[in-house]
Amino acid sequence: MKQLNIVLVEPEIPQNTGNIARTCACTGCRLHLVEPFLFKLEDRYLKRAGLDYWSSLDLTIHKSLDDFLAFAAGKPMILASTKAGKNHTQVSYPDGCFILFGKETAGLPESLLRAHYENCVRIPMRKTLRSLNLSNSAAIVIYEALRQSGFDGLEEAGCLTKEENNR
């Protein structure tokens, strides 16, 4: 099973982080949160959005962006940004890669984007609008990365059979 690392740099909205935590738990992705964030991990909105999936989540907290970058040094990184020059389906997501998302109000730091420009991706959207919701963006990119590996290790079919559906 391909291992993906989802990184939220200074997230601001607990519901988005909770939704992404739930997506990570369901897909087997590791979640990395980079401080500071504008909520406490005990926040009721964060917990509610993540439902009862917290025990299934592999979560790592990093004290700063510099601490995270030292932790991930030499490992493949993909940076999601509305400023990127290529679309999220035009890159491959290697096993163990870190996919970074910035805070809701400002995205990732421009200096980081410039330093890793070739690894920056964007989700296509209308030109006149700024951005998608962070949790939606993370889900879109996560599922593209998983699609590329054939959803290895994930259940692709539910329990309703064709015969049961025809009743």
N, C-alpha and C. Protein backbone atom coordinates (compact mmCIF):
# COMPACT_ATOMS: atom_id res chain seq x y z
N MET A 1 0.84 -1.18 0.00
CA MET A 1 0.00 0.00 0.00
C MET A 1 0.88 1.24 0.00
N LYS A 2 0.59 2.19 -0.89
CA LYS A 2 1.35 3.43 -0.97
C LYS A 2 1.12 4.24 0.30
N GLN A 3 2.19 4.79 0.85
CA GLN A 3 2.08 5.65 2.03
C GLN A 3 2.18 7.11 1.60
N LEU A 4 1.18 7.89 1.94
CA LEU A 4 1.19 9.33 1.68
C LEU A 4 1.21 10.08 3.00
N ASN A 5 1.88 11.20 3.01
CA ASN A 5 1.95 12.07 4.17
C ASN A 5 1.28 13.40 3.82
N ILE A 6 0.22 13.73 4.51
CA ILE A 6 -0.50 14.97 4.27
C ILE A 6 -0.05 15.96 5.33
N VAL A 7 0.37 17.15 4.88
CA VAL A 7 0.93 18.14 5.78
C VAL A 7 0.09 19.41 5.72
N LEU A 8 -0.44 19.83 6.87
CA LEU A 8 -1.17 21.09 6.96
C LEU A 8 -0.28 22.08 7.69
N VAL A 9 0.12 23.12 6.97
CA VAL A 9 1.00 24.14 7.53
C VAL A 9 0.15 25.26 8.12
N GLU A 10 0.20 25.37 9.43
CA GLU A 10 -0.50 26.40 10.18
C GLU A 10 -2.00 26.47 9.87
N PRO A 11 -2.70 25.36 9.98
CA PRO A 11 -4.15 25.39 9.70
C PRO A 11 -4.89 26.32 10.66
N GLU A 12 -5.97 26.91 10.17
CA GLU A 12 -6.68 27.92 10.95
C GLU A 12 -8.09 27.51 11.34
N ILE A 13 -8.72 26.65 10.58
CA ILE A 13 -10.13 26.32 10.80
C ILE A 13 -10.22 24.87 11.29
N PRO A 14 -10.68 24.68 12.53
CA PRO A 14 -10.68 23.31 13.08
C PRO A 14 -11.53 22.33 12.29
N GLN A 15 -12.64 22.77 11.73
CA GLN A 15 -13.48 21.86 10.96
C GLN A 15 -12.76 21.32 9.74
N ASN A 16 -11.98 22.17 9.06
CA ASN A 16 -11.20 21.69 7.91
C ASN A 16 -10.19 20.64 8.34
N THR A 17 -9.48 20.92 9.42
CA THR A 17 -8.48 19.97 9.91
C THR A 17 -9.14 18.67 10.32
N GLY A 18 -10.29 18.74 10.97
CA GLY A 18 -11.02 17.53 11.35
C GLY A 18 -11.47 16.72 10.15
N ASN A 19 -11.96 17.41 9.12
CA ASN A 19 -12.37 16.71 7.89
C ASN A 19 -11.18 16.03 7.23
N ILE A 20 -10.05 16.72 7.18
CA ILE A 20 -8.85 16.14 6.57
C ILE A 20 -8.35 14.97 7.41
N ALA A 21 -8.43 15.08 8.72
CA ALA A 21 -8.04 13.96 9.60
C ALA A 21 -8.88 12.73 9.29
N ARG A 22 -10.17 12.93 9.10
CA ARG A 22 -11.07 11.82 8.78
C ARG A 22 -10.70 11.21 7.42
N THR A 23 -10.43 12.05 6.42
CA THR A 23 -10.01 11.55 5.11
C THR A 23 -8.70 10.76 5.23
N CYS A 24 -7.77 11.27 6.01
CA CYS A 24 -6.50 10.56 6.20
C CYS A 24 -6.72 9.21 6.88
N ALA A 25 -7.57 9.18 7.90
CA ALA A 25 -7.85 7.92 8.59
C ALA A 25 -8.46 6.91 7.62
N CYS A 26 -9.39 7.35 6.78
CA CYS A 26 -10.08 6.45 5.85
C CYS A 26 -9.17 5.95 4.72
N THR A 27 -8.15 6.71 4.40
CA THR A 27 -7.28 6.34 3.28
C THR A 27 -5.91 5.82 3.72
N GLY A 28 -5.64 5.84 5.00
CA GLY A 28 -4.36 5.36 5.50
C GLY A 28 -3.22 6.35 5.35
N CYS A 29 -3.54 7.61 5.09
CA CYS A 29 -2.50 8.64 4.99
C CYS A 29 -2.08 9.08 6.39
N ARG A 30 -0.82 9.44 6.52
CA ARG A 30 -0.35 10.05 7.77
C ARG A 30 -0.65 11.54 7.70
N LEU A 31 -1.07 12.12 8.83
CA LEU A 31 -1.35 13.55 8.89
C LEU A 31 -0.29 14.23 9.74
N HIS A 32 0.30 15.29 9.17
CA HIS A 32 1.28 16.11 9.87
C HIS A 32 0.69 17.50 10.03
N LEU A 33 0.64 17.99 11.25
CA LEU A 33 0.18 19.35 11.52
C LEU A 33 1.37 20.19 11.94
N VAL A 34 1.53 21.33 11.27
CA VAL A 34 2.65 22.23 11.56
C VAL A 34 2.13 23.42 12.34
N GLU A 35 2.66 23.60 13.53
CA GLU A 35 2.26 24.73 14.39
C GLU A 35 2.89 26.02 13.89
N PRO A 36 2.31 27.16 14.27
CA PRO A 36 1.14 27.29 15.14
C PRO A 36 -0.15 27.11 14.36
N PHE A 37 -1.19 26.61 15.05
CA PHE A 37 -2.51 26.61 14.46
C PHE A 37 -3.45 27.37 15.38
N LEU A 38 -4.55 27.85 14.84
CA LEU A 38 -5.43 28.78 15.56
C LEU A 38 -6.52 28.08 16.37
N PHE A 39 -6.26 26.88 16.81
CA PHE A 39 -7.23 26.13 17.63
C PHE A 39 -6.44 25.15 18.47
N LYS A 40 -7.10 24.58 19.44
CA LYS A 40 -6.49 23.55 20.27
C LYS A 40 -6.91 22.18 19.74
N LEU A 41 -6.07 21.18 19.96
CA LEU A 41 -6.41 19.84 19.49
C LEU A 41 -7.63 19.28 20.21
N GLU A 42 -8.02 19.90 21.29
CA GLU A 42 -9.22 19.47 22.03
C GLU A 42 -10.46 20.20 21.53
N ASP A 43 -10.33 21.07 20.55
CA ASP A 43 -11.45 21.87 20.04
C ASP A 43 -12.62 20.97 19.66
N ARG A 44 -13.81 21.34 20.10
CA ARG A 44 -14.98 20.48 19.85
C ARG A 44 -15.33 20.41 18.36
N TYR A 45 -15.07 21.49 17.61
CA TYR A 45 -15.36 21.47 16.17
C TYR A 45 -14.38 20.56 15.43
N LEU A 46 -13.14 20.57 15.86
CA LEU A 46 -12.13 19.67 15.29
C LEU A 46 -12.53 18.22 15.55
N LYS A 47 -12.86 17.92 16.79
CA LYS A 47 -13.23 16.55 17.17
C LYS A 47 -14.50 16.11 16.44
N ARG A 48 -15.48 17.00 16.36
CA ARG A 48 -16.75 16.66 15.70
C ARG A 48 -16.54 16.36 14.22
N ALA A 49 -15.75 17.17 13.53
CA ALA A 49 -15.51 16.95 12.10
C ALA A 49 -14.78 15.64 11.86
N GLY A 50 -13.91 15.24 12.78
CA GLY A 50 -13.17 13.98 12.62
C GLY A 50 -13.94 12.77 13.12
N LEU A 51 -15.11 13.00 13.71
CA LEU A 51 -15.97 11.95 14.26
C LEU A 51 -15.17 11.00 15.16
N ASP A 52 -15.43 9.72 15.04
CA ASP A 52 -14.75 8.74 15.89
C ASP A 52 -13.56 8.09 15.17
N TYR A 53 -13.00 8.80 14.21
CA TYR A 53 -11.89 8.27 13.43
C TYR A 53 -10.52 8.61 14.03
N TRP A 54 -10.47 9.38 15.09
CA TRP A 54 -9.19 9.84 15.65
C TRP A 54 -8.28 8.69 16.05
N SER A 55 -8.86 7.62 16.56
CA SER A 55 -8.03 6.49 17.00
C SER A 55 -7.41 5.74 15.81
N SER A 56 -7.93 5.96 14.62
CA SER A 56 -7.39 5.32 13.41
C SER A 56 -6.42 6.21 12.65
N LEU A 57 -6.13 7.37 13.21
CA LEU A 57 -5.29 8.36 12.53
C LEU A 57 -3.85 8.29 13.00
N ASP A 58 -2.92 8.33 12.06
CA ASP A 58 -1.49 8.44 12.36
C ASP A 58 -1.16 9.93 12.29
N LEU A 59 -0.98 10.56 13.44
CA LEU A 59 -0.83 12.02 13.53
C LEU A 59 0.52 12.40 14.11
N THR A 60 1.18 13.35 13.46
CA THR A 60 2.44 13.90 13.96
C THR A 60 2.31 15.42 14.00
N ILE A 61 2.76 16.02 15.10
CA ILE A 61 2.74 17.48 15.26
C ILE A 61 4.18 17.99 15.15
N HIS A 62 4.37 19.04 14.36
CA HIS A 62 5.68 19.67 14.21
C HIS A 62 5.59 21.09 14.78
N LYS A 63 6.57 21.50 15.53
CA LYS A 63 6.55 22.79 16.23
C LYS A 63 6.64 24.00 15.31
N SER A 64 7.19 23.81 14.11
CA SER A 64 7.32 24.93 13.17
C SER A 64 7.55 24.38 11.77
N LEU A 65 7.46 25.26 10.80
CA LEU A 65 7.74 24.85 9.43
C LEU A 65 9.20 24.41 9.29
N ASP A 66 10.10 25.12 9.94
CA ASP A 66 11.52 24.74 9.89
C ASP A 66 11.74 23.34 10.48
N ASP A 67 11.05 23.03 11.60
CA ASP A 67 11.16 21.69 12.19
C ASP A 67 10.64 20.63 11.22
N PHE A 68 9.51 20.92 10.58
CA PHE A 68 8.96 19.96 9.61
C PHE A 68 9.94 19.76 8.46
N LEU A 69 10.47 20.86 7.90
CA LEU A 69 11.38 20.75 6.75
C LEU A 69 12.63 19.97 7.11
N ALA A 70 13.12 20.10 8.33
CA ALA A 70 14.26 19.30 8.77
C ALA A 70 13.87 17.82 8.86
N PHE A 71 12.67 17.55 9.36
CA PHE A 71 12.14 16.18 9.46
C PHE A 71 12.01 15.53 8.08
N ALA A 72 11.55 16.28 7.10
CA ALA A 72 11.27 15.74 5.76
C ALA A 72 12.42 15.94 4.77
N ALA A 73 13.54 16.43 5.22
CA ALA A 73 14.67 16.72 4.33
C ALA A 73 15.04 15.50 3.49
N GLY A 74 15.17 15.74 2.18
CA GLY A 74 15.58 14.69 1.26
C GLY A 74 14.45 13.79 0.79
N LYS A 75 13.25 13.98 1.32
CA LYS A 75 12.11 13.15 0.92
C LYS A 75 11.28 13.91 -0.11
N PRO A 76 10.59 13.20 -0.99
CA PRO A 76 9.81 13.89 -2.03
C PRO A 76 8.66 14.70 -1.43
N MET A 77 8.48 15.92 -1.98
CA MET A 77 7.41 16.80 -1.53
C MET A 77 6.64 17.33 -2.73
N ILE A 78 5.34 17.43 -2.57
CA ILE A 78 4.44 18.07 -3.53
C ILE A 78 3.75 19.18 -2.76
N LEU A 79 3.72 20.38 -3.34
CA LEU A 79 3.12 21.53 -2.66
C LEU A 79 1.88 21.98 -3.43
N ALA A 80 0.76 22.02 -2.74
CA ALA A 80 -0.49 22.45 -3.37
C ALA A 80 -0.65 23.95 -3.20
N SER A 81 -0.89 24.63 -4.33
CA SER A 81 -1.02 26.09 -4.29
C SER A 81 -1.79 26.59 -5.50
N THR A 82 -2.57 27.62 -5.30
CA THR A 82 -3.27 28.25 -6.42
C THR A 82 -2.28 28.96 -7.33
N LYS A 83 -1.05 29.15 -6.88
CA LYS A 83 -0.03 29.85 -7.66
C LYS A 83 0.80 28.91 -8.53
N ALA A 84 0.56 27.62 -8.43
CA ALA A 84 1.37 26.63 -9.16
C ALA A 84 1.11 26.70 -10.66
N GLY A 85 2.09 26.27 -11.43
CA GLY A 85 1.99 26.31 -12.88
C GLY A 85 1.49 25.04 -13.53
N LYS A 86 1.31 23.96 -12.76
CA LYS A 86 0.80 22.73 -13.36
C LYS A 86 -0.30 22.13 -12.49
N ASN A 87 -1.08 21.32 -13.11
CA ASN A 87 -2.26 20.74 -12.49
C ASN A 87 -1.89 19.49 -11.68
N HIS A 88 -2.68 19.20 -10.68
CA HIS A 88 -2.40 18.12 -9.73
C HIS A 88 -2.40 16.73 -10.36
N THR A 89 -2.92 16.60 -11.57
CA THR A 89 -2.90 15.30 -12.25
C THR A 89 -1.67 15.14 -13.14
N GLN A 90 -0.84 16.17 -13.24
CA GLN A 90 0.33 16.14 -14.12
C GLN A 90 1.61 15.72 -13.42
N VAL A 91 1.51 15.31 -12.17
CA VAL A 91 2.69 14.84 -11.44
C VAL A 91 2.41 13.45 -10.89
N SER A 92 3.47 12.74 -10.58
CA SER A 92 3.29 11.46 -9.89
C SER A 92 3.57 11.68 -8.41
N TYR A 93 2.92 10.90 -7.59
CA TYR A 93 3.03 11.02 -6.14
C TYR A 93 3.74 9.76 -5.64
N PRO A 94 5.06 9.85 -5.44
CA PRO A 94 5.81 8.65 -5.06
C PRO A 94 5.46 8.18 -3.64
N ASP A 95 5.69 6.92 -3.41
CA ASP A 95 5.48 6.34 -2.09
C ASP A 95 6.26 7.15 -1.05
N GLY A 96 5.60 7.48 0.04
CA GLY A 96 6.26 8.22 1.11
C GLY A 96 6.31 9.72 0.92
N CYS A 97 5.74 10.22 -0.17
CA CYS A 97 5.84 11.66 -0.42
C CYS A 97 5.01 12.47 0.59
N PHE A 98 5.42 13.70 0.76
CA PHE A 98 4.73 14.66 1.61
C PHE A 98 3.97 15.62 0.71
N ILE A 99 2.68 15.76 0.94
CA ILE A 99 1.86 16.68 0.17
C ILE A 99 1.47 17.81 1.11
N LEU A 100 1.96 19.02 0.80
CA LEU A 100 1.78 20.16 1.69
C LEU A 100 0.64 21.06 1.25
N PHE A 101 -0.13 21.51 2.24
CA PHE A 101 -1.21 22.47 2.06
C PHE A 101 -1.00 23.60 3.05
N GLY A 102 -1.24 24.83 2.60
CA GLY A 102 -1.05 25.98 3.47
C GLY A 102 -2.29 26.38 4.22
N LYS A 103 -2.13 27.38 5.05
CA LYS A 103 -3.27 27.84 5.85
C LYS A 103 -4.34 28.46 4.96
N GLU A 104 -5.56 28.44 5.46
CA GLU A 104 -6.72 28.84 4.67
C GLU A 104 -6.63 30.28 4.15
N THR A 105 -6.11 31.20 4.92
CA THR A 105 -6.12 32.61 4.51
C THR A 105 -4.95 33.03 3.64
N ALA A 106 -3.85 32.26 3.64
CA ALA A 106 -2.67 32.72 2.92
C ALA A 106 -1.95 31.65 2.11
N GLY A 107 -2.31 30.40 2.27
CA GLY A 107 -1.61 29.34 1.56
C GLY A 107 -0.22 29.09 2.14
N LEU A 108 0.63 28.50 1.33
CA LEU A 108 2.01 28.22 1.74
C LEU A 108 2.88 29.46 1.53
N PRO A 109 3.94 29.60 2.32
CA PRO A 109 4.83 30.76 2.14
C PRO A 109 5.42 30.79 0.73
N GLU A 110 5.46 31.98 0.14
CA GLU A 110 5.99 32.12 -1.23
C GLU A 110 7.43 31.66 -1.34
N SER A 111 8.23 31.87 -0.31
CA SER A 111 9.63 31.43 -0.36
C SER A 111 9.72 29.91 -0.50
N LEU A 112 8.82 29.19 0.16
CA LEU A 112 8.77 27.74 0.05
C LEU A 112 8.32 27.31 -1.34
N LEU A 113 7.32 28.00 -1.88
CA LEU A 113 6.84 27.69 -3.23
C LEU A 113 7.95 27.91 -4.26
N ARG A 114 8.68 29.01 -4.13
CA ARG A 114 9.78 29.30 -5.06
C ARG A 114 10.87 28.24 -4.98
N ALA A 115 11.18 27.82 -3.76
CA ALA A 115 12.25 26.83 -3.56
C ALA A 115 11.89 25.46 -4.13
N HIS A 116 10.59 25.19 -4.26
CA HIS A 116 10.13 23.88 -4.74
C HIS A 116 9.18 24.03 -5.93
N TYR A 117 9.40 25.03 -6.75
CA TYR A 117 8.45 25.37 -7.81
C TYR A 117 8.10 24.19 -8.71
N GLU A 118 9.07 23.37 -9.06
CA GLU A 118 8.81 22.23 -9.95
C GLU A 118 7.89 21.19 -9.33
N ASN A 119 7.74 21.24 -8.02
CA ASN A 119 6.89 20.28 -7.31
C ASN A 119 5.59 20.91 -6.83
N CYS A 120 5.24 22.06 -7.37
CA CYS A 120 4.00 22.74 -6.99
C CYS A 120 2.87 22.34 -7.94
N VAL A 121 1.70 22.07 -7.38
CA VAL A 121 0.54 21.69 -8.18
C VAL A 121 -0.67 22.54 -7.80
N ARG A 122 -1.58 22.61 -8.74
CA ARG A 122 -2.80 23.39 -8.57
C ARG A 122 -3.98 22.56 -9.02
N ILE A 123 -5.11 22.74 -8.36
CA ILE A 123 -6.35 22.10 -8.77
C ILE A 123 -7.05 23.06 -9.73
N PRO A 124 -7.39 22.62 -10.93
CA PRO A 124 -8.04 23.53 -11.89
C PRO A 124 -9.36 24.08 -11.34
N MET A 125 -9.58 25.36 -11.59
CA MET A 125 -10.84 26.01 -11.20
C MET A 125 -11.01 27.27 -12.02
N ARG A 126 -12.15 27.88 -11.90
CA ARG A 126 -12.43 29.10 -12.66
C ARG A 126 -11.43 30.20 -12.32
N LYS A 127 -11.04 30.93 -13.33
CA LYS A 127 -10.01 31.95 -13.20
C LYS A 127 -10.41 33.08 -12.24
N THR A 128 -11.67 33.40 -12.17
CA THR A 128 -12.11 34.56 -11.39
C THR A 128 -12.26 34.28 -9.89
N LEU A 129 -12.07 33.02 -9.45
CA LEU A 129 -12.24 32.69 -8.05
C LEU A 129 -10.91 32.33 -7.41
N ARG A 130 -10.78 32.58 -6.11
CA ARG A 130 -9.49 32.44 -5.43
C ARG A 130 -9.07 31.00 -5.16
N SER A 131 -9.95 30.25 -4.48
CA SER A 131 -9.49 28.92 -4.06
C SER A 131 -10.66 28.04 -3.62
N LEU A 132 -10.39 26.77 -3.55
CA LEU A 132 -11.33 25.80 -3.02
C LEU A 132 -11.14 25.71 -1.50
N ASN A 133 -12.11 25.11 -0.82
CA ASN A 133 -11.98 24.84 0.60
C ASN A 133 -10.80 23.89 0.83
N LEU A 134 -10.08 24.11 1.91
CA LEU A 134 -8.88 23.32 2.21
C LEU A 134 -9.18 21.83 2.31
N SER A 135 -10.23 21.45 3.01
CA SER A 135 -10.50 20.01 3.15
C SER A 135 -10.90 19.39 1.82
N ASN A 136 -11.61 20.13 0.98
CA ASN A 136 -11.94 19.62 -0.36
C ASN A 136 -10.68 19.47 -1.19
N SER A 137 -9.81 20.46 -1.13
CA SER A 137 -8.56 20.41 -1.89
C SER A 137 -7.72 19.21 -1.49
N ALA A 138 -7.60 19.00 -0.19
CA ALA A 138 -6.81 17.85 0.29
C ALA A 138 -7.40 16.55 -0.22
N ALA A 139 -8.72 16.41 -0.16
CA ALA A 139 -9.37 15.18 -0.62
C ALA A 139 -9.14 14.96 -2.12
N ILE A 140 -9.24 16.02 -2.90
CA ILE A 140 -9.03 15.90 -4.35
C ILE A 140 -7.62 15.39 -4.65
N VAL A 141 -6.63 15.98 -4.02
CA VAL A 141 -5.24 15.60 -4.28
C VAL A 141 -4.94 14.21 -3.73
N ILE A 142 -5.44 13.91 -2.53
CA ILE A 142 -5.22 12.58 -1.95
C ILE A 142 -5.77 11.50 -2.88
N TYR A 143 -6.98 11.69 -3.35
CA TYR A 143 -7.58 10.65 -4.20
C TYR A 143 -6.93 10.56 -5.57
N GLU A 144 -6.37 11.65 -6.08
CA GLU A 144 -5.61 11.55 -7.32
C GLU A 144 -4.35 10.73 -7.08
N ALA A 145 -3.66 10.99 -6.00
CA ALA A 145 -2.45 10.22 -5.69
C ALA A 145 -2.78 8.74 -5.51
N LEU A 146 -3.87 8.44 -4.84
CA LEU A 146 -4.28 7.05 -4.62
C LEU A 146 -4.75 6.41 -5.93
N ARG A 147 -5.42 7.16 -6.77
CA ARG A 147 -5.87 6.64 -8.08
C ARG A 147 -4.67 6.19 -8.89
N GLN A 148 -3.60 6.98 -8.84
CA GLN A 148 -2.41 6.65 -9.62
C GLN A 148 -1.80 5.30 -9.21
N SER A 149 -2.03 4.89 -7.96
CA SER A 149 -1.49 3.60 -7.52
C SER A 149 -2.58 2.52 -7.51
N GLY A 150 -3.71 2.79 -8.17
CA GLY A 150 -4.77 1.79 -8.27
C GLY A 150 -5.52 1.57 -6.96
N PHE A 151 -5.51 2.56 -6.08
CA PHE A 151 -6.19 2.47 -4.78
C PHE A 151 -5.71 1.25 -3.99
N ASP A 152 -4.44 0.95 -4.14
CA ASP A 152 -3.82 -0.20 -3.49
C ASP A 152 -4.12 -0.20 -1.99
N GLY A 153 -4.67 -1.31 -1.52
CA GLY A 153 -4.95 -1.46 -0.10
C GLY A 153 -6.27 -0.89 0.37
N LEU A 154 -7.02 -0.27 -0.52
CA LEU A 154 -8.31 0.30 -0.14
C LEU A 154 -9.45 -0.52 -0.72
N GLU A 155 -10.51 -0.62 0.02
CA GLU A 155 -11.70 -1.33 -0.45
C GLU A 155 -12.42 -0.46 -1.46
N GLU A 156 -12.68 -1.02 -2.64
CA GLU A 156 -13.29 -0.23 -3.71
C GLU A 156 -14.77 -0.52 -3.93
N ALA A 157 -15.28 -1.56 -3.32
CA ALA A 157 -16.69 -1.90 -3.53
C ALA A 157 -17.38 -2.06 -2.18
N GLY A 158 -18.64 -1.65 -2.14
CA GLY A 158 -19.43 -1.81 -0.93
C GLY A 158 -20.04 -3.19 -0.84
N CYS A 159 -20.92 -3.38 0.11
CA CYS A 159 -21.48 -4.71 0.35
C CYS A 159 -22.78 -4.96 -0.40
N LEU A 160 -23.35 -3.96 -1.04
CA LEU A 160 -24.59 -4.14 -1.79
C LEU A 160 -24.26 -4.81 -3.12
N THR A 161 -24.80 -5.99 -3.32
CA THR A 161 -24.55 -6.71 -4.57
C THR A 161 -25.56 -6.28 -5.62
N LYS A 162 -25.29 -6.62 -6.87
CA LYS A 162 -26.20 -6.28 -7.95
C LYS A 162 -27.57 -6.92 -7.72
N GLU A 163 -27.55 -8.15 -7.21
CA GLU A 163 -28.82 -8.85 -6.95
C GLU A 163 -29.62 -8.12 -5.87
N GLU A 164 -28.94 -7.67 -4.81
CA GLU A 164 -29.63 -6.95 -3.73
C GLU A 164 -30.17 -5.63 -4.23
N ASN A 165 -29.48 -5.00 -5.14
CA ASN A 165 -29.90 -3.71 -5.68
C ASN A 165 -31.15 -3.85 -6.57
N ASN A 166 -31.30 -5.00 -7.22
CA ASN A 166 -32.43 -5.23 -8.12
C ASN A 166 -33.72 -5.65 -7.41
N ARG A 167 -33.68 -5.80 -6.10
CA ARG A 167 -34.89 -6.19 -5.34
C ARG A 167 -35.86 -5.05 -5.22
